[in-house]
Amino acid sequence: MTTTASQPERSGKRGLAPIWLILFTILFIMAAAIISFVVFQPILVLPRITLAPGFALTDQNGNQISNEDLRGQIVLYNFTYTNCEECAQTDEVMAQVQNRLDEVTAVDIPIKLVTISVDPEHDTPEVLTEYAQSLGANPDQWVFATGSPAMLKSVIGGGFSLFYQQQEDGAFDLDPGFMLIDGNGIMRAEYRTAVPEIDIMLRDIGLLVEEAQNSNGAAKIGYEAAHLFLCYPPR
C-alpha cells in the first residue's frame, strides 16, 4: 500500500517538470530577443522629445498657416529675419536641405521646410516672397512665415526654447536653431547651431520617412520596441 500511495506523488512531480521547463524556455527566448534587439538595434528611431508648439502665422502669400495645416507632414523649421547679416549660414543650410530632399523624399510622405521670421514689422508677405526667391526656394515645399510679436514669442521663445530679442538698432539677437517635427506634431530632433551637418539632418528626415511608412500593423510593435529600448542613431 505504501508503494501504491507514493506512485501518484512521483507521477505528479514528473508532470510539473515540463511546465517549468516551458516557462523557463519562454523567458529565456524573450530575454535573448530583448538583448539582441538592444545590442543589434535592427530598427533605429529618433527620440520623441516633446509636443511641438501650436501656432497661426501668415505666409509669404498672405495666407494663414497653422501647425494643424502641417499635420501628416514632416517639417523642418528654422528662424531668421530678412535684414539679418549673420543668417546667411542658416539660409544656406535650408537651401542645401531643399536641394537634397530627393535623397529621402517619399511620394506618400510630404516634407515641408518652414522659415519663420522674428521681424513681422519689416518682413511683410511681399518682403518674404522676394527673400524666398533670392534663396531659390520652391514655394510648394519651402514656406516663409511670420506673425504677431506675441505669437512669435510663444512659438519660438516658449515652444522651441530659442532666445531672441530686438536691439535698439533694429537688429535681433537670435539663437540659431533647426527643429524637426514628425507628422503627429512631435519634435523628433533639434539642431541648436547655425551650421548643423546636412548629412545628419537628411539621415534624420529619412528615419522619420521610414517610420511613417513602416510603423503600421505588426511592424508598429518593432518601432515601439525601438522607442522603448532607445535605439537612437549616433549624433
Foldseek 3Di string as FASTA:
>chain_A
DVVVVCVVVVVVVVVCVVVVVVVVVVVVVVVVVLVCCLVVVPAAAFAQDFFADWAWWAWLVRDIDIVVNQAQAKEKEWEEADPDPPQPLLLVLVLVLVVPLVVQDDPRHHYAYEYEYLDPVPCHSPNNVVVCVVSVHDCVHYIYTYHDNVRCCCRVCNRVVWDKDADPVRDMDTFTKMWIAANRRTTRDMDRHSHDDSVVVSVNSNSSVCCVVQLDDPSVVVVVSCNVSVRHDDD
